[in-house]
Protein backbone atom coordinates (compact mmCIF):
# COMPACT_ATOMS: atom_id res chain seq x y z
CA MET A 1 5.01 -12.76 8.43
CA LYS A 2 7.35 -10.24 6.88
CA HIS A 3 7.24 -6.76 8.40
CA GLY A 4 7.93 -3.55 6.53
CA ILE A 5 7.51 0.20 6.45
CA TYR A 6 6.66 2.73 3.74
CA TYR A 7 9.56 5.01 2.82
CA ALA A 8 7.31 8.11 2.94
CA TYR A 9 7.31 7.99 6.75
CA TRP A 10 10.53 9.99 6.41
CA GLU A 11 9.80 11.90 3.19
CA LYS A 12 7.69 14.82 2.01
CA GLU A 13 7.53 13.84 -1.68
CA TRP A 14 6.31 10.75 -3.54
CA ALA A 15 9.81 9.87 -4.75
CA ALA A 16 13.14 9.47 -3.02
CA ASP A 17 16.52 7.78 -3.08
CA TYR A 18 15.24 4.37 -2.09
CA THR A 19 18.74 2.97 -1.55
CA TYR A 20 19.05 5.29 1.45
CA TYR A 21 15.96 3.76 3.01
CA VAL A 22 16.92 0.19 2.18
CA ASP A 23 20.03 0.66 4.32
CA LYS A 24 18.01 2.36 7.04
CA VAL A 25 15.19 -0.18 7.40
CA ALA A 26 17.66 -3.06 7.41
CA ARG A 27 19.39 -1.48 10.42
CA LEU A 28 16.06 -0.85 12.15
CA GLY A 29 14.92 -4.47 12.02
CA PHE A 30 12.50 -4.54 9.09
CA ASP A 31 12.19 -7.23 6.43
CA ILE A 32 10.55 -5.02 3.79
CA LEU A 33 10.81 -1.52 2.40
CA GLU A 34 7.71 -0.38 0.53
CA VAL A 35 8.64 2.10 -2.19
CA GLY A 36 6.51 4.50 -4.18
CA ALA A 37 5.82 3.18 -7.68
CA ALA A 38 5.42 6.57 -9.38
CA PRO A 39 9.07 7.13 -10.46
CA LEU A 40 9.93 3.51 -11.30
CA PRO A 41 8.90 3.43 -15.01
CA ASP A 42 11.42 6.20 -15.68
CA TYR A 43 14.34 4.53 -13.91
CA THR A 44 17.51 4.18 -15.92
CA PRO A 45 19.34 0.85 -16.12
CA GLU A 46 21.93 2.31 -13.74
CA GLN A 47 19.26 3.24 -11.16
CA ILE A 48 17.68 -0.20 -11.43
CA ARG A 49 21.03 -1.91 -10.95
CA ALA A 50 21.99 0.28 -7.97
CA LEU A 51 18.71 -0.32 -6.14
CA ARG A 52 18.71 -4.04 -6.92
CA ASP A 53 22.29 -4.42 -5.66
CA CYS A 54 21.51 -2.45 -2.50
CA VAL A 55 18.46 -4.60 -1.76
CA LYS A 56 20.47 -7.79 -2.22
CA ALA A 57 23.34 -6.55 -0.04
CA ASN A 58 20.97 -5.69 2.81
CA GLY A 59 18.73 -8.76 2.60
CA ILE A 60 15.63 -6.59 2.23
CA GLU A 61 12.51 -7.30 0.17
CA LEU A 62 10.75 -4.53 -1.76
CA THR A 63 7.04 -4.02 -2.21
CA ALA A 64 5.45 -1.10 -4.08
CA GLY A 65 2.63 1.26 -3.24
CA TYR A 66 0.79 3.61 -5.55
CA GLY A 67 -2.13 5.99 -5.52
CA PRO A 68 -2.64 6.37 -9.28
CA THR A 69 -2.80 9.86 -10.72
CA TYR A 70 -5.88 10.95 -12.67
CA ASP A 71 -4.08 10.04 -15.91
CA HIS A 72 -3.29 6.54 -14.59
CA ASN A 73 -6.89 5.64 -13.73
CA LEU A 74 -7.41 2.17 -15.21
CA GLY A 75 -11.15 2.44 -14.56
CA SER A 76 -11.65 5.89 -16.10
CA SER A 77 -14.72 6.58 -18.23
CA ASP A 78 -12.32 8.08 -20.81
CA PRO A 79 -10.91 5.36 -23.16
CA ALA A 80 -7.80 7.46 -23.82
CA ILE A 81 -7.00 7.60 -20.11
CA ARG A 82 -7.56 3.85 -19.74
CA LYS A 83 -5.19 3.22 -22.68
CA ASN A 84 -2.54 5.54 -21.25
CA ALA A 85 -2.90 3.93 -17.83
CA LYS A 86 -2.45 0.40 -19.18
CA GLU A 87 0.67 1.45 -21.07
CA TRP A 88 2.10 3.09 -17.95
CA PHE A 89 1.37 0.10 -15.72
CA THR A 90 2.92 -2.23 -18.30
CA ARG A 91 6.15 -0.23 -18.16
CA LEU A 92 5.94 -0.23 -14.38
CA PHE A 93 5.57 -4.01 -14.19
CA ASP A 94 8.68 -4.49 -16.32
CA VAL A 95 10.79 -2.35 -13.97
CA MET A 96 9.24 -3.98 -10.90
CA ALA A 97 10.26 -7.38 -12.23
CA GLN A 98 13.82 -6.17 -12.78
CA LEU A 99 13.84 -5.03 -9.14
CA ASP A 100 12.34 -8.34 -7.97
CA ILE A 101 9.19 -6.56 -6.71
CA HIS A 102 6.21 -8.89 -6.89
CA LEU A 103 3.54 -6.97 -5.00
CA ILE A 104 1.96 -3.57 -5.57
CA GLY A 105 -0.92 -2.20 -3.51
CA GLY A 106 -3.11 0.87 -3.43
CA ALA A 107 -6.22 2.29 -5.09
CA LEU A 108 -5.10 0.65 -8.33
CA TYR A 109 -8.71 0.33 -9.49
CA SER A 110 -9.21 4.12 -9.44
CA TYR A 111 -7.16 7.27 -8.87
CA TRP A 112 -6.02 9.09 -5.74
CA PRO A 113 -6.65 11.52 -4.17
CA LEU A 114 -10.15 11.42 -5.65
CA ASP A 115 -11.75 14.71 -6.70
CA PHE A 116 -15.26 14.35 -5.32
CA SER A 117 -16.26 17.72 -6.78
CA LYS A 118 -16.55 16.00 -10.17
CA GLY A 119 -19.30 13.75 -8.80
CA VAL A 120 -19.11 9.98 -8.51
CA ASP A 121 -20.71 7.08 -10.32
CA LYS A 122 -20.05 4.13 -8.04
CA GLU A 123 -21.87 1.56 -10.15
CA GLY A 124 -20.23 2.65 -13.40
CA ASP A 125 -16.80 3.10 -11.85
CA TRP A 126 -17.02 -0.32 -10.22
CA LYS A 127 -17.92 -1.98 -13.52
CA ARG A 128 -15.15 -0.25 -15.47
CA SER A 129 -12.63 -0.97 -12.73
CA VAL A 130 -13.47 -4.68 -12.69
CA GLU A 131 -13.04 -4.80 -16.47
CA ALA A 132 -9.75 -2.93 -16.19
CA MET A 133 -8.40 -5.37 -13.64
CA GLN A 134 -9.43 -8.30 -15.82
CA ASP A 135 -7.47 -6.64 -18.64
CA ILE A 136 -4.32 -5.70 -16.70
CA ALA A 137 -4.06 -8.70 -14.34
CA PRO A 138 -2.69 -11.06 -17.05
CA VAL A 139 0.00 -8.48 -17.86
CA ALA A 140 1.05 -8.34 -14.19
CA ALA A 141 0.88 -12.13 -13.95
CA GLN A 142 3.47 -12.47 -16.72
CA TYR A 143 5.91 -10.83 -14.32
CA GLY A 144 4.72 -12.77 -11.26
CA ILE A 145 3.15 -9.64 -9.75
CA ASN A 146 0.18 -9.56 -7.38
CA MET A 147 -1.99 -6.43 -7.21
CA GLY A 148 -3.59 -5.44 -3.90
CA MET A 149 -6.92 -3.64 -4.15
CA GLU A 150 -6.70 -1.34 -1.14
CA VAL A 151 -9.94 -0.75 0.72
CA LEU A 152 -10.02 2.97 1.55
CA ASN A 153 -12.18 5.13 3.78
CA ARG A 154 -15.10 7.12 2.35
CA PHE A 155 -13.13 10.38 2.34
CA GLU A 156 -10.49 9.04 -0.06
CA ASN A 157 -12.45 6.86 -2.48
CA HIS A 158 -15.97 5.62 -3.12
CA ILE A 159 -15.53 2.24 -4.82
CA LEU A 160 -14.11 0.03 -2.05
CA ASN A 161 -14.78 1.20 1.51
CA THR A 162 -15.22 -2.10 3.41
CA ALA A 163 -13.65 -5.53 3.44
CA GLU A 164 -16.95 -6.93 2.22
CA GLU A 165 -16.79 -4.69 -0.85
CA GLY A 166 -13.14 -5.59 -1.39
CA VAL A 167 -13.97 -9.29 -1.38
CA ALA A 168 -16.91 -8.80 -3.76
CA PHE A 169 -14.73 -6.79 -6.15
CA VAL A 170 -11.87 -9.32 -6.18
CA LYS A 171 -14.26 -12.23 -6.69
CA GLU A 172 -15.91 -10.41 -9.58
CA VAL A 173 -12.53 -9.80 -11.21
CA GLY A 174 -11.80 -13.49 -10.80
CA MET A 175 -8.03 -13.34 -11.36
CA ASP A 176 -5.63 -15.18 -9.04
CA ASN A 177 -3.19 -12.27 -8.77
CA ILE A 178 -5.84 -9.70 -7.79
CA LYS A 179 -6.00 -9.59 -3.99
CA VAL A 180 -7.77 -7.75 -1.19
CA MET A 181 -5.62 -5.23 0.66
CA LEU A 182 -6.66 -3.95 4.08
CA ASP A 183 -5.31 -1.06 6.16
CA THR A 184 -5.93 -0.59 9.87
CA PHE A 185 -6.25 3.21 9.48
CA HIS A 186 -9.08 2.89 6.97
CA MET A 187 -10.75 -0.01 8.80
CA ASN A 188 -10.81 2.09 11.97
CA ILE A 189 -13.10 4.53 10.13
CA GLU A 190 -15.34 2.17 8.17
CA GLU A 191 -15.61 -1.21 9.87
CA SER A 192 -17.88 -2.15 12.78
CA SER A 193 -15.30 -4.78 13.77
CA ILE A 194 -11.73 -4.77 12.52
CA GLY A 195 -11.33 -8.42 13.44
CA ASP A 196 -14.44 -9.44 11.53
CA ALA A 197 -13.29 -7.39 8.51
CA ILE A 198 -10.04 -9.35 8.42
CA ARG A 199 -11.94 -12.62 8.70
CA THR A 200 -14.19 -11.49 5.85
CA ALA A 201 -11.15 -11.03 3.62
CA GLY A 202 -9.88 -14.46 4.65
CA SER A 203 -7.77 -16.25 2.07
CA LEU A 204 -8.17 -13.35 -0.39
CA LEU A 205 -6.09 -11.03 1.82
CA GLY A 206 -2.89 -10.38 -0.11
CA HIS A 207 -1.34 -7.36 1.64
CA PHE A 208 -1.86 -5.64 4.99
CA HIS A 209 -1.08 -2.07 6.01
CA THR A 210 -0.78 -1.00 9.62
CA GLY A 211 -0.86 2.33 11.38
CA GLU A 212 -2.66 3.99 14.23
CA CYS A 213 -5.94 5.85 13.91
CA ASN A 214 -3.87 9.06 14.21
CA ARG A 215 -1.46 7.84 11.46
CA MET A 216 1.39 7.35 13.92
CA VAL A 217 3.45 4.17 14.09
CA PRO A 218 1.82 1.10 15.64
CA GLY A 219 1.81 1.33 19.43
CA LYS A 220 1.21 5.08 19.68
CA GLY A 221 -2.59 5.10 19.48
CA ARG A 222 -5.70 3.13 20.41
CA THR A 223 -5.88 0.55 17.59
CA PRO A 224 -6.93 -2.92 18.92
CA TRP A 225 -3.74 -4.78 18.00
CA ARG A 226 -4.55 -7.95 19.93
CA GLU A 227 -7.88 -8.21 18.10
CA ILE A 228 -6.04 -7.73 14.79
CA GLY A 229 -3.41 -10.32 15.65
CA ASN A 230 -6.06 -12.86 16.64
CA ALA A 231 -7.95 -12.31 13.38
CA LEU A 232 -4.82 -12.68 11.27
CA ARG A 233 -4.12 -15.94 13.11
CA ASP A 234 -7.67 -17.13 12.52
CA ILE A 235 -7.33 -16.75 8.74
CA GLY A 236 -3.79 -18.13 8.70
CA TYR A 237 -2.35 -14.95 7.22
CA ASP A 238 1.42 -15.18 6.94
CA GLY A 239 2.09 -12.54 4.29
CA THR A 240 3.40 -8.99 4.15
CA VAL A 241 2.57 -6.48 6.91
CA VAL A 242 3.75 -2.95 6.11
CA MET A 243 3.28 0.01 8.42
CA GLU A 244 2.34 3.28 6.72
CA PRO A 245 2.72 6.13 9.22
CA PHE A 246 2.54 9.79 8.22
CA VAL A 247 3.57 12.18 10.98
CA THR A 248 5.18 15.27 9.42
CA MET A 249 3.77 18.24 7.55
CA GLY A 250 4.81 19.63 4.21
CA GLY A 251 5.40 18.68 0.61
CA GLN A 252 3.07 16.73 -1.63
CA VAL A 253 2.88 13.88 0.87
CA GLY A 254 1.66 16.14 3.66
CA GLN A 255 -0.86 17.79 1.35
CA ASP A 256 -2.28 14.58 -0.09
CA ILE A 257 -2.44 12.80 3.29
CA HIS A 258 -3.86 15.96 4.93
CA VAL A 259 -1.27 16.28 7.68
CA TRP A 260 -2.11 19.76 8.94
CA ARG A 261 -0.14 19.60 12.19
CA ASP A 262 3.23 18.21 13.17
CA ILE A 263 2.14 14.87 14.58
CA SER A 264 5.80 14.01 15.21
CA ARG A 265 6.11 16.94 17.63
CA GLY A 266 9.33 18.10 16.03
CA ALA A 267 11.01 14.70 16.04
CA SER A 268 14.47 14.48 14.52
CA GLU A 269 15.31 11.79 11.98
CA GLU A 270 17.04 9.88 14.79
CA GLN A 271 13.85 9.97 16.87
CA LEU A 272 11.76 8.88 13.87
CA ASP A 273 14.18 5.98 13.42
CA LYS A 274 13.83 4.97 17.07
CA ASP A 275 10.04 5.16 16.88
CA ALA A 276 10.09 2.97 13.77
CA HIS A 277 12.37 0.41 15.42
CA ASP A 278 10.21 0.29 18.54
CA ALA A 279 7.10 -0.02 16.37
CA VAL A 280 8.35 -3.04 14.40
CA VAL A 281 9.29 -4.78 17.65
CA PHE A 282 5.79 -4.02 18.97
CA GLN A 283 4.12 -5.09 15.71
CA LYS A 284 5.93 -8.41 15.58
CA TYR A 285 4.98 -9.10 19.19
CA MET A 286 1.30 -8.26 18.63
CA LEU A 287 0.71 -9.78 15.18
CA ASP A 288 3.06 -12.72 14.66
CA TRP A 289 1.14 -15.82 15.62
CA LYS A 290 3.52 -18.69 14.86
């Protein structure tokens, strides 16, 4: 497996100087930095070159994460929004390819955070989202990009809440580069058995997020890591495993993730770094099965 961390562990906004975090995660023992996709379509050639050179110099792999905005909802009931979203994702895929990023995960079939006050139409949204993925998947495939359909808890989306639904959705799309993406935080809320959920995803699992039930780094909560490691071994998963902790208040990240208390307990950046290093050592020990 390759082990990574999401840059927003240290940040309060959905964009940052990713070169800073490439250097950092390389020192801390990670294989992957997951970056936010939102700013990438607007990167200049100079920004692309600087990030690409930094990644190469540090021997780090990049993956991308994105919770699409309302205007980037590929499954919207509004044709104009669907058209705008496809154009935006097409630009994104081009920049991702230039950065040698071949995996993006998140609620790519919808938008995030979802506004439930508008009401939901699960059946209609599911149908439109499947059609959208069938339309956009060939575009991503041209760049060698896989798209992870992240299964979220009921408080963040209504389309995919369980591994079983994720599998059904991906099979209905029927495209090789559309994958199931699971996250231990969301599974802790929705699944009767985290291990069985992973086994349900099986060979369709294309990306895996980790974090404690309290959104801290792995090893600082009550998540059943041995059960998770055994299940990943059972399905032969040897892909990307990216931790996605959120422990500080403030900014758009804190608002969207609903961090209403300082989970870090006033930790300095140096302490956050140490916690991340300790967590990747712990995660490799618990999940690597070869």
